[in-house]
Amino acid sequence: MLFSLAVIFLVGLSAAAIFQTIGLPRIIGMLATGILTGTYVLDLLDPKILGISSELRQIALIIILIKAGLSLNLSDLKKVGRPAVMMSFLPASFEILGYFILAPLLLGINHTEAAVMGAVLGAVSPAVVVPRMVKLIEEKYGTEKSIPQMILAGASCDDIFVIVLFSTFVTMAQGGSAKATDFLNIPVSIILGVLLGSLSGFVLFYIFEISYRKGNKIRNSTKVIAILGLAFLLMSVETFLEPYVAVSGLLAVVAMACVIKIKADKSVSARLSEKFGKLWIAAEAVLFVLVGAAVDIRYTLTAGVAAVLLIFGALIFRAVGVWICLLGTKLTLKEKLFCVTAYMPKATVQAAIGSVPMSLGLPCGKIVLSVAVLAILITAPLGAIGIDRSYKRLLAHEE
């Protein structure tokens, strides 16, 4: 396992640096490292580390979401309001509709299988989008109109909506029927996640505050460990309560970090944000190398040209969904184009659930996995390049 970690950090970060030097996003180098060193090519990574790959990817995602929460200004988020809420479900709905219409025509599958495919492919990747929006917030690009805050919030909720739809469509594909209660899980999950995270943030802040007043100064490094521990607990609560009620652990983590930012002194929250930024250097390598390792490159060849056309066709549907969300806002044409680009990347959710239909024995399993793999390879680099290359030209810089 130590050799695998050495490969992830040394090769992954070296590849990231090489791609950054030639003007391409770092994540392309990390994804390529994962694909090449994974089970399906060179097979250099220990099966033990691949066995806990999903947990390690989740830890990395938690780190960047905490940093996002410590960077978010809720008063800025209130400025956008309606578009932020709509961005959490409408673009994904349009993309799923795109697969529902186009997949039977291009790939010859039935409409239920097309809905399953759409649910696998419909989620935007918070792993690609969130760190870039955090960077824009810190550099103050688009912040006057709260554009990165809106995208960050929408991307955090988008996954919940899509995963609930995915489980519903899979049940239908297995011969079951959809229940209205399944769809109720979406708002319940969001509300409970925000409430649980906010409460946790208040409790943790007051523990820090009481300790400080009693003369027991807690080091920032200790605070980072405490925040991480509570974040892991919040994610565990989601799993524990899953049979009874839906709770979004990821939203709880963001809400907890937001409350700490609001309640703590600005200098304290800034130092905590900086420390989580340093942690992200290692976490980013783990996340994207392991996402790449989860990609079964063999299935890209079976997908064919029709799958590529399908992915781009569905992205057009998604772009229309994003555009509708932004109607009635003060955003310029350039800013709307940036939002469309930023909502393109796929990676984490597709790597996590792309193989589920095949493991369940659904007839569409292999083609769903093939399209999911292809979508990661196409949209993650395109989206990352699009965001990195366009934000200075498309977004206003706030002085």
Protein backbone atom coordinates (compact mmCIF):
# COMPACT_ATOMS: atom_id res chain seq x y z
CA MET A 1 0.00 0.00 0.00
CA LEU A 2 2.91 2.38 0.74
CA PHE A 3 4.22 1.90 -2.80
CA SER A 4 0.74 2.76 -4.15
CA LEU A 5 0.66 5.94 -2.06
CA ALA A 6 4.13 6.81 -3.36
CA VAL A 7 2.86 6.38 -6.94
CA ILE A 8 -0.24 8.49 -6.23
CA PHE A 9 1.72 11.37 -4.72
CA LEU A 10 4.99 11.34 -6.68
CA VAL A 11 3.74 10.35 -10.14
CA GLY A 12 0.36 12.09 -9.75
CA LEU A 13 1.83 15.42 -8.65
CA SER A 14 4.66 15.21 -11.23
CA ALA A 15 2.14 14.60 -14.03
CA ALA A 16 0.01 17.46 -12.70
CA ALA A 17 3.04 19.78 -12.75
CA ILE A 18 3.95 18.74 -16.32
CA PHE A 19 0.42 19.40 -17.59
CA GLN A 20 0.30 22.72 -15.74
CA THR A 21 3.62 23.72 -17.37
CA ILE A 22 2.21 23.13 -20.86
CA GLY A 23 -0.90 25.16 -20.01
CA LEU A 24 -3.36 22.34 -19.29
CA PRO A 25 -5.29 21.71 -16.03
CA ARG A 26 -3.48 19.71 -13.35
CA ILE A 27 -6.33 17.21 -13.02
CA ILE A 28 -5.67 15.84 -16.53
CA GLY A 29 -2.23 14.68 -15.40
CA MET A 30 -3.68 13.11 -12.26
CA LEU A 31 -6.51 11.37 -14.14
CA ALA A 32 -3.99 10.06 -16.69
CA THR A 33 -1.79 8.76 -13.85
CA GLY A 34 -4.74 6.91 -12.36
CA ILE A 35 -5.77 5.37 -15.68
CA LEU A 36 -2.23 4.22 -16.52
CA THR A 37 -1.34 2.87 -13.07
CA GLY A 38 -4.78 1.37 -12.39
CA THR A 39 -5.99 -2.22 -12.66
CA TYR A 40 -6.87 -2.01 -16.35
CA VAL A 41 -3.48 -0.87 -17.72
CA LEU A 42 -0.22 -1.25 -15.70
CA ASP A 43 -1.87 -2.56 -12.51
CA LEU A 44 0.60 -0.83 -10.17
CA LEU A 45 -1.87 0.11 -7.43
CA ASP A 46 -2.42 -2.23 -4.48
CA PRO A 47 -5.90 -3.88 -4.43
CA LYS A 48 -6.12 -2.86 -0.75
CA ILE A 49 -5.96 0.84 -1.62
CA LEU A 50 -8.39 0.36 -4.50
CA GLY A 51 -10.71 -1.40 -2.05
CA ILE A 52 -10.97 1.78 0.02
CA SER A 53 -10.80 4.07 -3.01
CA SER A 54 -14.35 5.40 -2.58
CA GLU A 55 -13.67 6.30 1.08
CA LEU A 56 -10.40 8.05 0.20
CA ARG A 57 -12.13 9.99 -2.60
CA GLN A 58 -14.85 10.99 -0.14
CA ILE A 59 -12.26 12.26 2.37
CA ALA A 60 -10.65 14.39 -0.36
CA LEU A 61 -14.06 15.77 -1.34
CA ILE A 62 -14.81 16.61 2.31
CA ILE A 63 -11.56 18.62 2.54
CA ILE A 64 -12.39 20.83 -0.45
CA LEU A 65 -16.01 21.25 0.67
CA ILE A 66 -14.84 22.47 4.09
CA LYS A 67 -12.55 24.95 2.35
CA ALA A 68 -15.52 25.98 0.17
CA GLY A 69 -17.68 26.57 3.26
CA LEU A 70 -14.92 28.64 4.87
CA SER A 71 -14.72 30.73 1.66
CA LEU A 72 -18.47 31.18 1.11
CA ASN A 73 -20.16 34.40 2.13
CA LEU A 74 -23.84 33.65 2.73
CA SER A 75 -24.83 37.28 2.19
CA ASP A 76 -23.36 36.99 -1.33
CA LEU A 77 -25.32 33.78 -1.90
CA LYS A 78 -28.57 35.53 -0.95
CA LYS A 79 -28.03 37.92 -3.85
CA VAL A 80 -28.53 35.13 -6.40
CA GLY A 81 -31.27 33.20 -4.54
CA ARG A 82 -33.58 31.67 -7.18
CA PRO A 83 -30.92 30.85 -9.83
CA ALA A 84 -28.81 29.01 -7.22
CA VAL A 85 -31.80 26.84 -6.26
CA MET A 86 -32.70 26.18 -9.90
CA MET A 87 -29.09 25.28 -10.77
CA SER A 88 -29.29 22.43 -8.25
CA PHE A 89 -31.81 20.46 -10.31
CA LEU A 90 -32.82 22.03 -13.65
CA PRO A 91 -29.60 21.49 -15.70
CA ALA A 92 -29.42 17.85 -14.54
CA SER A 93 -33.11 17.38 -15.41
CA PHE A 94 -32.54 18.72 -18.93
CA GLU A 95 -29.48 16.50 -19.42
CA ILE A 96 -31.40 13.41 -18.27
CA LEU A 97 -34.17 14.40 -20.72
CA GLY A 98 -31.50 14.61 -23.43
CA TYR A 99 -30.39 11.03 -22.74
CA PHE A 100 -34.03 9.91 -22.51
CA ILE A 101 -34.69 11.27 -26.02
CA LEU A 102 -31.35 10.65 -27.77
CA ALA A 103 -30.04 7.37 -26.29
CA PRO A 104 -32.78 5.15 -27.81
CA LEU A 105 -32.14 6.75 -31.20
CA LEU A 106 -28.32 6.53 -31.11
CA LEU A 107 -27.71 3.39 -29.04
CA GLY A 108 -30.92 1.40 -29.49
CA ILE A 109 -31.74 1.03 -25.77
CA ASN A 110 -35.25 1.46 -24.34
CA HIS A 111 -36.44 4.60 -22.57
CA THR A 112 -36.15 3.18 -19.03
CA GLU A 113 -32.53 2.20 -19.69
CA ALA A 114 -31.96 5.65 -21.22
CA ALA A 115 -33.30 7.22 -17.99
CA VAL A 116 -30.84 5.12 -15.94
CA MET A 117 -28.01 6.27 -18.23
CA GLY A 118 -29.12 9.88 -17.90
CA ALA A 119 -29.13 9.64 -14.10
CA VAL A 120 -25.58 8.24 -14.12
CA LEU A 121 -24.36 11.00 -16.46
CA GLY A 122 -26.52 13.87 -15.17
CA ALA A 123 -24.46 14.97 -12.17
CA VAL A 124 -21.82 17.68 -12.40
CA SER A 125 -18.54 16.85 -10.66
CA PRO A 126 -18.05 18.82 -7.43
CA ALA A 127 -14.46 17.56 -7.35
CA VAL A 128 -13.69 19.47 -10.56
CA VAL A 129 -16.00 22.46 -10.05
CA VAL A 130 -15.76 23.28 -6.32
CA PRO A 131 -11.97 23.91 -6.06
CA ARG A 132 -12.14 26.15 -9.13
CA MET A 133 -15.05 28.18 -7.71
CA VAL A 134 -13.17 28.53 -4.41
CA LYS A 135 -10.19 29.87 -6.39
CA LEU A 136 -12.43 32.40 -8.18
CA ILE A 137 -13.90 33.55 -4.86
CA GLU A 138 -10.40 34.06 -3.46
CA GLU A 139 -9.23 35.89 -6.61
CA LYS A 140 -12.53 37.87 -6.70
CA TYR A 141 -13.57 36.98 -10.25
CA GLY A 142 -17.35 37.13 -10.74
CA THR A 143 -17.90 37.69 -7.02
CA GLU A 144 -19.66 41.04 -7.48
CA LYS A 145 -22.61 39.10 -8.95
CA SER A 146 -21.91 36.00 -6.78
CA ILE A 147 -21.36 33.77 -9.82
CA PRO A 148 -18.84 31.31 -8.30
CA GLN A 149 -20.95 31.13 -5.10
CA MET A 150 -24.04 30.27 -7.15
CA ILE A 151 -22.23 27.54 -9.12
CA LEU A 152 -20.63 26.14 -5.97
CA ALA A 153 -23.98 25.92 -4.16
CA GLY A 154 -25.75 24.40 -7.17
CA ALA A 155 -23.03 21.80 -7.74
CA SER A 156 -23.23 20.74 -4.07
CA CYS A 157 -26.99 20.01 -4.34
CA ASP A 158 -27.00 18.71 -7.92
CA ASP A 159 -25.56 15.31 -6.91
CA ILE A 160 -28.28 14.65 -4.32
CA PHE A 161 -31.02 15.24 -6.87
CA VAL A 162 -29.39 13.00 -9.49
CA ILE A 163 -28.56 10.12 -7.12
CA VAL A 164 -32.18 10.00 -5.85
CA LEU A 165 -33.37 9.84 -9.47
CA PHE A 166 -30.75 7.17 -10.23
CA SER A 167 -32.00 4.85 -7.46
CA THR A 168 -35.60 5.40 -8.63
CA PHE A 169 -34.85 4.67 -12.29
CA VAL A 170 -32.78 1.57 -11.38
CA THR A 171 -35.76 0.24 -9.39
CA MET A 172 -37.97 0.80 -12.45
CA ALA A 173 -35.43 -0.92 -14.73
CA GLN A 174 -35.47 -3.94 -12.40
CA GLY A 175 -39.23 -4.19 -12.78
CA GLY A 176 -40.27 -2.11 -9.77
CA SER A 177 -42.23 1.11 -9.69
CA ALA A 178 -41.39 4.65 -8.61
CA LYS A 179 -42.91 6.00 -5.40
CA ALA A 180 -43.73 9.62 -4.62
CA THR A 181 -41.85 9.30 -1.32
CA ASP A 182 -38.61 8.75 -3.27
CA PHE A 183 -38.83 12.28 -4.67
CA LEU A 184 -39.64 13.73 -1.23
CA ASN A 185 -36.17 12.59 -0.18
CA ILE A 186 -34.63 15.39 -2.25
CA PRO A 187 -35.87 18.45 -0.25
CA VAL A 188 -35.78 16.47 3.02
CA SER A 189 -32.13 15.54 2.40
CA ILE A 190 -31.16 19.14 1.65
CA ILE A 191 -33.02 20.69 4.60
CA LEU A 192 -31.85 18.12 7.15
CA GLY A 193 -28.28 18.32 5.84
CA VAL A 194 -28.18 22.11 6.23
CA LEU A 195 -29.80 21.98 9.71
CA LEU A 196 -27.52 19.22 10.98
CA GLY A 197 -24.41 20.92 9.62
CA SER A 198 -25.39 24.32 11.02
CA LEU A 199 -26.04 22.88 14.47
CA SER A 200 -22.70 21.04 14.38
CA GLY A 201 -20.91 24.24 13.35
CA PHE A 202 -22.46 26.20 16.24
CA VAL A 203 -21.53 23.49 18.77
CA LEU A 204 -17.94 23.25 17.54
CA PHE A 205 -17.51 27.03 17.49
CA TYR A 206 -18.76 27.39 21.07
CA ILE A 207 -16.44 24.61 22.23
CA PHE A 208 -13.52 26.54 20.70
CA GLU A 209 -14.81 29.81 22.19
CA ILE A 210 -15.37 28.45 25.72
CA SER A 211 -11.94 26.85 25.69
CA TYR A 212 -10.37 30.17 24.61
CA ARG A 213 -12.17 32.14 27.35
CA LYS A 214 -10.87 29.71 29.97
CA GLY A 215 -7.33 30.32 28.80
CA ASN A 216 -6.94 27.03 26.94
CA LYS A 217 -5.92 28.28 23.52
CA ILE A 218 -6.53 25.66 20.83
CA ARG A 219 -4.00 25.60 18.01
CA ASN A 220 -5.37 26.03 14.49
CA SER A 221 -3.93 22.64 13.53
CA THR A 222 -5.97 21.05 16.33
CA LYS A 223 -9.06 22.91 15.12
CA VAL A 224 -8.47 21.52 11.62
CA ILE A 225 -8.41 17.96 13.01
CA ALA A 226 -11.56 18.60 15.08
CA ILE A 227 -13.40 20.05 12.05
CA LEU A 228 -12.31 17.09 9.90
CA GLY A 229 -13.42 14.62 12.60
CA LEU A 230 -16.84 16.24 12.84
CA ALA A 231 -17.14 16.28 9.03
CA PHE A 232 -16.42 12.53 8.93
CA LEU A 233 -19.09 12.05 11.62
CA LEU A 234 -21.63 14.02 9.57
CA MET A 235 -20.92 11.82 6.55
CA SER A 236 -21.34 8.74 8.77
CA VAL A 237 -24.70 10.06 10.04
CA GLU A 238 -25.91 10.11 6.43
CA THR A 239 -25.12 6.37 6.17
CA PHE A 240 -26.60 5.51 9.59
CA LEU A 241 -29.89 7.32 8.86
CA GLU A 242 -30.20 6.16 5.24
CA PRO A 243 -32.77 3.39 6.04
CA TYR A 244 -34.96 5.88 7.92
CA VAL A 245 -34.55 9.38 6.49
CA ALA A 246 -32.45 11.06 3.79
CA VAL A 247 -29.73 13.47 4.97
CA SER A 248 -27.11 15.08 2.74
CA GLY A 249 -23.74 14.63 4.45
CA LEU A 250 -21.91 16.79 1.90
CA LEU A 251 -24.29 19.72 2.41
CA ALA A 252 -23.99 19.25 6.18
CA VAL A 253 -20.20 19.58 5.84
CA VAL A 254 -20.51 22.82 3.81
CA ALA A 255 -23.09 24.23 6.26
CA MET A 256 -20.88 23.42 9.25
CA ALA A 257 -17.92 25.25 7.66
CA CYS A 258 -20.14 28.22 6.73
CA VAL A 259 -21.32 28.61 10.35
CA ILE A 260 -17.74 28.48 11.65
CA LYS A 261 -16.79 31.20 9.14
CA ILE A 262 -19.73 33.38 10.21
CA LYS A 263 -19.16 32.99 13.96
CA ALA A 264 -15.35 33.00 14.11
CA ASP A 265 -13.07 35.99 13.83
CA LYS A 266 -12.11 36.75 10.21
CA SER A 267 -8.44 36.09 10.86
CA VAL A 268 -9.23 32.68 12.41
CA SER A 269 -11.45 31.53 9.52
CA ALA A 270 -8.84 32.80 7.02
CA ARG A 271 -6.08 30.75 8.72
CA LEU A 272 -8.31 27.66 8.82
CA SER A 273 -9.13 28.11 5.14
CA GLU A 274 -5.42 28.40 4.36
CA LYS A 275 -4.66 25.16 6.23
CA PHE A 276 -7.40 23.27 4.40
CA GLY A 277 -5.98 24.68 1.16
CA LYS A 278 -2.64 23.05 2.02
CA LEU A 279 -4.36 19.76 2.84
CA TRP A 280 -6.07 19.92 -0.57
CA ILE A 281 -2.69 19.64 -2.33
CA ALA A 282 -2.40 16.01 -1.16
CA ALA A 283 -6.15 15.32 -1.21
CA GLU A 284 -6.44 16.48 -4.84
CA ALA A 285 -3.82 13.95 -5.94
CA VAL A 286 -5.57 11.14 -4.07
CA LEU A 287 -8.98 12.11 -5.44
CA PHE A 288 -8.16 12.41 -9.13
CA VAL A 289 -5.62 9.59 -9.36
CA LEU A 290 -8.15 7.22 -7.77
CA VAL A 291 -10.95 8.54 -10.00
CA GLY A 292 -8.69 7.74 -12.96
CA ALA A 293 -7.93 4.29 -11.50
CA ALA A 294 -11.69 3.61 -11.31
CA VAL A 295 -12.02 4.25 -15.05
CA ASP A 296 -12.12 1.00 -17.01
CA ILE A 297 -10.49 2.19 -20.22
CA ARG A 298 -11.55 -1.01 -22.05
CA TYR A 299 -15.13 0.23 -22.22
CA THR A 300 -14.29 3.41 -24.11
CA LEU A 301 -13.58 1.40 -27.27
CA THR A 302 -16.97 -0.33 -27.16
CA ALA A 303 -18.84 2.99 -26.85
CA GLY A 304 -18.08 4.25 -30.36
CA VAL A 305 -18.89 7.45 -32.23
CA ALA A 306 -22.60 7.24 -31.36
CA ALA A 307 -21.75 7.55 -27.65
CA VAL A 308 -19.61 10.65 -28.29
CA LEU A 309 -22.47 12.24 -30.24
CA LEU A 310 -24.85 11.30 -27.41
CA ILE A 311 -22.65 12.94 -24.75
CA PHE A 312 -22.36 16.21 -26.67
CA GLY A 313 -26.06 16.14 -27.57
CA ALA A 314 -27.01 15.74 -23.89
CA LEU A 315 -24.61 18.56 -22.95
CA ILE A 316 -26.56 20.85 -25.29
CA PHE A 317 -29.72 19.97 -23.34
CA ARG A 318 -27.80 20.73 -20.11
CA ALA A 319 -26.66 24.10 -21.49
CA VAL A 320 -30.29 25.01 -22.22
CA GLY A 321 -31.16 24.10 -18.62
CA VAL A 322 -28.40 26.35 -17.26
CA TRP A 323 -29.50 29.19 -19.55
CA ILE A 324 -33.11 28.94 -18.31
CA CYS A 325 -31.87 29.12 -14.69
CA LEU A 326 -30.16 32.42 -15.49
CA LEU A 327 -33.11 34.10 -17.21
CA GLY A 328 -34.14 37.29 -15.42
CA THR A 329 -30.72 37.76 -13.80
CA LYS A 330 -28.32 40.65 -14.39
CA LEU A 331 -25.67 38.36 -15.83
CA THR A 332 -24.15 39.34 -19.18
CA LEU A 333 -23.89 36.99 -22.15
CA LYS A 334 -20.22 36.28 -21.29
CA GLU A 335 -21.09 35.44 -17.68
CA LYS A 336 -23.87 33.09 -18.77
CA LEU A 337 -21.45 31.35 -21.14
CA PHE A 338 -19.07 30.85 -18.23
CA CYS A 339 -21.84 29.26 -16.13
CA VAL A 340 -22.63 26.86 -18.98
CA THR A 341 -18.95 25.88 -19.23
CA ALA A 342 -18.53 25.49 -15.46
CA TYR A 343 -21.50 23.09 -15.29
CA MET A 344 -20.01 20.68 -17.84
CA PRO A 345 -17.45 18.44 -16.03
CA LYS A 346 -18.24 14.85 -15.02
CA ALA A 347 -15.98 12.70 -12.85
CA THR A 348 -16.71 11.72 -9.23
CA VAL A 349 -20.34 10.59 -9.40
CA GLN A 350 -19.84 8.81 -12.71
CA ALA A 351 -16.78 6.95 -11.35
CA ALA A 352 -18.78 5.99 -8.25
CA ILE A 353 -22.03 4.74 -9.81
CA GLY A 354 -21.16 4.10 -13.47
CA SER A 355 -20.64 0.38 -12.89
CA VAL A 356 -23.71 -0.12 -10.64
CA PRO A 357 -26.21 -0.98 -13.44
CA MET A 358 -23.80 -3.66 -14.74
CA SER A 359 -23.23 -5.09 -11.25
CA LEU A 360 -27.02 -5.33 -10.82
CA GLY A 361 -27.26 -7.34 -14.04
CA LEU A 362 -29.22 -4.75 -16.04
CA PRO A 363 -29.04 -5.36 -19.82
CA CYS A 364 -27.89 -1.77 -20.33
CA GLY A 365 -25.08 -2.09 -17.75
CA LYS A 366 -22.15 -2.37 -20.13
CA ILE A 367 -23.21 0.47 -22.42
CA VAL A 368 -24.00 2.73 -19.42
CA LEU A 369 -20.49 2.11 -18.04
CA SER A 370 -18.96 2.70 -21.49
CA VAL A 371 -20.70 6.06 -21.88
CA ALA A 372 -19.86 7.03 -18.27
CA VAL A 373 -16.15 6.34 -18.82
CA LEU A 374 -16.17 8.26 -22.09
CA ALA A 375 -18.00 11.19 -20.46
CA ILE A 376 -15.33 11.44 -17.74
CA LEU A 377 -12.51 11.38 -20.31
CA ILE A 378 -14.21 14.03 -22.47
CA THR A 379 -15.94 16.43 -20.05
CA ALA A 380 -13.55 16.53 -17.08
CA PRO A 381 -10.63 17.88 -19.17
CA LEU A 382 -12.89 20.05 -21.36
CA GLY A 383 -14.69 21.55 -18.37
CA ALA A 384 -11.47 22.14 -16.44
CA ILE A 385 -9.76 23.72 -19.47
CA GLY A 386 -12.87 25.78 -20.21
CA ILE A 387 -13.05 27.18 -16.68
CA ASP A 388 -9.30 27.80 -16.33
CA ARG A 389 -8.89 29.45 -19.73
CA SER A 390 -12.07 31.55 -19.81
CA TYR A 391 -12.75 32.99 -16.35
CA LYS A 392 -10.44 36.00 -16.75
CA ARG A 393 -12.06 36.89 -20.07
CA LEU A 394 -15.69 36.14 -19.20
CA LEU A 395 -15.96 37.31 -15.58
CA ALA A 396 -15.47 40.78 -14.13
CA HIS A 397 -12.70 41.20 -11.57
CA GLU A 398 -13.83 42.84 -8.34
CA GLU A 399 -11.27 45.32 -7.02
